[in-house]
Amino acid sequence: MDELEAQAAISGHRARIDEIDCRIVELLNDRAALSLEIRRLKPQVHWGLYDPKREEEIFANLSSCNKGPLYGDNLREIYSAILHVMKELQE
């Protein structure tokens, strides 16, 4: 592969990354909307807002569906940040 072909390949990969990033944002917003709905319903069933058991279930689920190349610790770090933001959301 020559330099021009490599540059074209990089441009193509970056365009795909941009598309994936937009899909990730859409999915994060979908997740946030569901989290807000759950938060609204929890008082009706007398559940606290924070559920550490559920958080561990989320991490276990991520681990079971991870096919790499991200390591489990990488996903846990990413999702810890996502969960932190979800907890701070306001309706």
N, C-alpha and C. Protein backbone atom coordinates (compact mmCIF):
# COMPACT_ATOMS: atom_id res chain seq x y z
N MET A 1 0.86 -1.17 0.00
CA MET A 1 0.00 0.00 0.00
C MET A 1 0.90 1.23 0.00
N ASP A 2 0.65 2.15 -0.93
CA ASP A 2 1.46 3.37 -0.96
C ASP A 2 0.84 4.44 -0.05
N GLU A 3 1.50 5.57 0.01
CA GLU A 3 1.09 6.64 0.92
C GLU A 3 -0.32 7.15 0.62
N LEU A 4 -0.64 7.34 -0.65
CA LEU A 4 -1.96 7.84 -1.02
C LEU A 4 -3.06 6.84 -0.65
N GLU A 5 -2.79 5.57 -0.86
CA GLU A 5 -3.76 4.54 -0.49
C GLU A 5 -3.96 4.49 1.02
N ALA A 6 -2.86 4.65 1.76
CA ALA A 6 -2.95 4.66 3.22
C ALA A 6 -3.75 5.86 3.70
N GLN A 7 -3.52 7.02 3.09
CA GLN A 7 -4.28 8.22 3.46
C GLN A 7 -5.76 8.03 3.18
N ALA A 8 -6.07 7.43 2.04
CA ALA A 8 -7.47 7.18 1.69
C ALA A 8 -8.10 6.19 2.67
N ALA A 9 -7.35 5.17 3.04
CA ALA A 9 -7.86 4.20 4.01
C ALA A 9 -8.12 4.87 5.35
N ILE A 10 -7.19 5.71 5.79
CA ILE A 10 -7.37 6.43 7.05
C ILE A 10 -8.61 7.30 6.99
N SER A 11 -8.80 8.02 5.89
CA SER A 11 -9.99 8.88 5.74
C SER A 11 -11.27 8.05 5.80
N GLY A 12 -11.26 6.90 5.15
CA GLY A 12 -12.43 6.02 5.19
C GLY A 12 -12.71 5.52 6.60
N HIS A 13 -11.69 5.12 7.31
CA HIS A 13 -11.86 4.64 8.69
C HIS A 13 -12.37 5.77 9.59
N ARG A 14 -11.83 6.97 9.40
CA ARG A 14 -12.29 8.10 10.21
C ARG A 14 -13.75 8.43 9.94
N ALA A 15 -14.16 8.33 8.70
CA ALA A 15 -15.58 8.58 8.37
C ALA A 15 -16.47 7.56 9.07
N ARG A 16 -16.05 6.30 9.08
CA ARG A 16 -16.82 5.25 9.78
C ARG A 16 -16.86 5.52 11.28
N ILE A 17 -15.72 5.96 11.85
CA ILE A 17 -15.67 6.30 13.27
C ILE A 17 -16.66 7.42 13.58
N ASP A 18 -16.72 8.43 12.72
CA ASP A 18 -17.67 9.53 12.92
C ASP A 18 -19.11 9.02 12.93
N GLU A 19 -19.42 8.11 12.01
CA GLU A 19 -20.77 7.52 11.98
C GLU A 19 -21.05 6.73 13.25
N ILE A 20 -20.09 5.94 13.68
CA ILE A 20 -20.25 5.14 14.90
C ILE A 20 -20.43 6.05 16.11
N ASP A 21 -19.64 7.14 16.17
CA ASP A 21 -19.78 8.08 17.29
C ASP A 21 -21.18 8.66 17.36
N CYS A 22 -21.77 8.97 16.21
CA CYS A 22 -23.14 9.50 16.20
C CYS A 22 -24.13 8.44 16.69
N ARG A 23 -23.91 7.19 16.31
CA ARG A 23 -24.78 6.10 16.80
C ARG A 23 -24.63 5.92 18.30
N ILE A 24 -23.38 6.03 18.80
CA ILE A 24 -23.15 5.92 20.24
C ILE A 24 -23.89 7.02 20.99
N VAL A 25 -23.83 8.25 20.48
CA VAL A 25 -24.53 9.36 21.12
C VAL A 25 -26.04 9.10 21.14
N GLU A 26 -26.57 8.61 20.03
CA GLU A 26 -28.00 8.28 19.97
C GLU A 26 -28.35 7.22 21.02
N LEU A 27 -27.54 6.18 21.12
CA LEU A 27 -27.80 5.11 22.08
C LEU A 27 -27.65 5.60 23.52
N LEU A 28 -26.68 6.47 23.77
CA LEU A 28 -26.52 7.02 25.12
C LEU A 28 -27.73 7.86 25.51
N ASN A 29 -28.27 8.61 24.56
CA ASN A 29 -29.47 9.39 24.84
C ASN A 29 -30.68 8.48 25.07
N ASP A 30 -30.78 7.39 24.33
CA ASP A 30 -31.85 6.40 24.57
C ASP A 30 -31.70 5.82 25.97
N ARG A 31 -30.48 5.49 26.35
CA ARG A 31 -30.22 4.93 27.68
C ARG A 31 -30.58 5.95 28.76
N ALA A 32 -30.21 7.20 28.53
CA ALA A 32 -30.51 8.25 29.51
C ALA A 32 -32.02 8.40 29.70
N ALA A 33 -32.77 8.37 28.62
CA ALA A 33 -34.23 8.50 28.72
C ALA A 33 -34.81 7.34 29.53
N LEU A 34 -34.32 6.14 29.31
CA LEU A 34 -34.80 4.99 30.07
C LEU A 34 -34.40 5.09 31.54
N SER A 35 -33.20 5.57 31.80
CA SER A 35 -32.75 5.76 33.18
C SER A 35 -33.64 6.76 33.91
N LEU A 36 -34.00 7.83 33.23
CA LEU A 36 -34.89 8.82 33.84
C LEU A 36 -36.27 8.23 34.12
N GLU A 37 -36.75 7.39 33.23
CA GLU A 37 -38.05 6.74 33.44
C GLU A 37 -37.99 5.80 34.63
N ILE A 38 -36.92 5.03 34.74
CA ILE A 38 -36.75 4.15 35.89
C ILE A 38 -36.69 4.96 37.18
N ARG A 39 -35.94 6.06 37.16
CA ARG A 39 -35.84 6.92 38.35
C ARG A 39 -37.22 7.43 38.76
N ARG A 40 -38.05 7.76 37.78
CA ARG A 40 -39.39 8.27 38.08
C ARG A 40 -40.25 7.18 38.72
N LEU A 41 -40.05 5.93 38.33
CA LEU A 41 -40.87 4.83 38.81
C LEU A 41 -40.41 4.26 40.17
N LYS A 42 -39.16 4.39 40.50
CA LYS A 42 -38.62 3.77 41.71
C LYS A 42 -39.38 4.13 42.99
N PRO A 43 -39.74 5.39 43.21
CA PRO A 43 -40.47 5.69 44.45
C PRO A 43 -41.79 4.93 44.58
N GLN A 44 -42.42 4.62 43.46
CA GLN A 44 -43.70 3.90 43.50
C GLN A 44 -43.54 2.47 44.00
N VAL A 45 -42.34 1.91 43.87
CA VAL A 45 -42.09 0.55 44.35
C VAL A 45 -41.16 0.56 45.57
N HIS A 46 -40.95 1.76 46.12
CA HIS A 46 -40.16 1.95 47.34
C HIS A 46 -38.72 1.46 47.19
N TRP A 47 -38.14 1.74 46.03
CA TRP A 47 -36.74 1.40 45.78
C TRP A 47 -35.91 2.67 45.88
N GLY A 48 -34.71 2.54 46.43
CA GLY A 48 -33.79 3.68 46.48
C GLY A 48 -33.29 4.03 45.09
N LEU A 49 -32.79 5.23 44.97
CA LEU A 49 -32.31 5.68 43.66
C LEU A 49 -31.02 4.96 43.25
N TYR A 50 -30.15 4.66 44.22
CA TYR A 50 -28.89 3.99 43.90
C TYR A 50 -28.98 2.52 44.25
N ASP A 51 -28.59 1.67 43.30
CA ASP A 51 -28.66 0.23 43.49
C ASP A 51 -27.32 -0.39 43.12
N PRO A 52 -26.42 -0.56 44.10
CA PRO A 52 -25.10 -1.10 43.79
C PRO A 52 -25.15 -2.51 43.19
N LYS A 53 -26.15 -3.31 43.58
CA LYS A 53 -26.29 -4.65 43.01
C LYS A 53 -26.56 -4.56 41.50
N ARG A 54 -27.43 -3.64 41.11
CA ARG A 54 -27.73 -3.46 39.69
C ARG A 54 -26.49 -3.01 38.93
N GLU A 55 -25.69 -2.14 39.56
CA GLU A 55 -24.47 -1.70 38.91
C GLU A 55 -23.54 -2.88 38.63
N GLU A 56 -23.40 -3.77 39.58
CA GLU A 56 -22.56 -4.95 39.38
C GLU A 56 -23.16 -5.86 38.30
N GLU A 57 -24.49 -5.94 38.22
CA GLU A 57 -25.13 -6.70 37.15
C GLU A 57 -24.78 -6.11 35.79
N ILE A 58 -24.77 -4.79 35.70
CA ILE A 58 -24.42 -4.11 34.45
C ILE A 58 -22.99 -4.47 34.05
N PHE A 59 -22.06 -4.39 35.01
CA PHE A 59 -20.67 -4.70 34.71
C PHE A 59 -20.51 -6.17 34.30
N ALA A 60 -21.23 -7.07 34.96
CA ALA A 60 -21.16 -8.49 34.60
C ALA A 60 -21.70 -8.72 33.19
N ASN A 61 -22.80 -8.03 32.85
CA ASN A 61 -23.38 -8.15 31.51
C ASN A 61 -22.40 -7.64 30.46
N LEU A 62 -21.75 -6.52 30.74
CA LEU A 62 -20.77 -5.99 29.80
C LEU A 62 -19.64 -6.98 29.59
N SER A 63 -19.19 -7.57 30.66
CA SER A 63 -18.10 -8.54 30.58
C SER A 63 -18.50 -9.74 29.72
N SER A 64 -19.73 -10.19 29.88
CA SER A 64 -20.17 -11.37 29.15
C SER A 64 -20.37 -11.10 27.66
N CYS A 65 -20.64 -9.87 27.28
CA CYS A 65 -20.86 -9.59 25.85
C CYS A 65 -19.64 -8.95 25.18
N ASN A 66 -18.57 -8.76 25.93
CA ASN A 66 -17.36 -8.15 25.37
C ASN A 66 -16.57 -9.15 24.55
N LYS A 67 -16.37 -8.82 23.28
CA LYS A 67 -15.59 -9.67 22.38
C LYS A 67 -14.25 -9.03 22.03
N GLY A 68 -13.90 -7.91 22.71
CA GLY A 68 -12.62 -7.24 22.48
C GLY A 68 -12.64 -6.39 21.23
N PRO A 69 -11.64 -5.62 21.00
CA PRO A 69 -10.34 -5.63 21.64
C PRO A 69 -10.26 -4.88 22.98
N LEU A 70 -11.34 -4.26 23.43
CA LEU A 70 -11.31 -3.60 24.73
C LEU A 70 -11.20 -4.65 25.83
N TYR A 71 -10.44 -4.34 26.83
CA TYR A 71 -10.34 -5.20 28.01
C TYR A 71 -11.50 -4.91 28.94
N GLY A 72 -11.83 -5.86 29.79
CA GLY A 72 -12.90 -5.68 30.76
C GLY A 72 -12.70 -4.46 31.63
N ASP A 73 -11.46 -4.20 32.04
CA ASP A 73 -11.18 -3.01 32.86
C ASP A 73 -11.46 -1.73 32.09
N ASN A 74 -11.20 -1.76 30.77
CA ASN A 74 -11.50 -0.59 29.94
C ASN A 74 -12.99 -0.31 29.94
N LEU A 75 -13.79 -1.36 29.75
CA LEU A 75 -15.25 -1.19 29.73
C LEU A 75 -15.77 -0.73 31.08
N ARG A 76 -15.22 -1.28 32.14
CA ARG A 76 -15.65 -0.88 33.48
C ARG A 76 -15.37 0.61 33.69
N GLU A 77 -14.23 1.08 33.24
CA GLU A 77 -13.88 2.50 33.37
C GLU A 77 -14.85 3.38 32.56
N ILE A 78 -15.11 2.97 31.33
CA ILE A 78 -16.02 3.73 30.46
C ILE A 78 -17.42 3.76 31.08
N TYR A 79 -17.90 2.60 31.50
CA TYR A 79 -19.26 2.53 32.04
C TYR A 79 -19.39 3.15 33.42
N SER A 80 -18.32 3.18 34.18
CA SER A 80 -18.36 3.91 35.46
C SER A 80 -18.64 5.38 35.20
N ALA A 81 -18.00 5.93 34.16
CA ALA A 81 -18.24 7.33 33.79
C ALA A 81 -19.67 7.52 33.29
N ILE A 82 -20.15 6.59 32.46
CA ILE A 82 -21.52 6.68 31.94
C ILE A 82 -22.51 6.63 33.09
N LEU A 83 -22.33 5.68 34.00
CA LEU A 83 -23.26 5.55 35.13
C LEU A 83 -23.22 6.78 36.03
N HIS A 84 -22.04 7.34 36.21
CA HIS A 84 -21.93 8.57 37.00
C HIS A 84 -22.76 9.70 36.39
N VAL A 85 -22.66 9.85 35.08
CA VAL A 85 -23.42 10.90 34.38
C VAL A 85 -24.91 10.60 34.46
N MET A 86 -25.31 9.34 34.28
CA MET A 86 -26.73 8.97 34.34
C MET A 86 -27.33 9.32 35.71
N LYS A 87 -26.54 9.11 36.78
CA LYS A 87 -27.03 9.42 38.12
C LYS A 87 -27.27 10.91 38.32
N GLU A 88 -26.53 11.73 37.58
CA GLU A 88 -26.64 13.18 37.73
C GLU A 88 -27.68 13.82 36.83
N LEU A 89 -28.29 13.04 35.95
CA LEU A 89 -29.28 13.60 35.02
C LEU A 89 -30.47 14.18 35.76
N GLN A 90 -30.98 15.25 35.22
CA GLN A 90 -32.20 15.88 35.74
C GLN A 90 -33.27 15.81 34.65
N GLU A 91 -34.49 15.63 35.09
CA GLU A 91 -35.59 15.59 34.10
C GLU A 91 -35.94 16.99 33.66
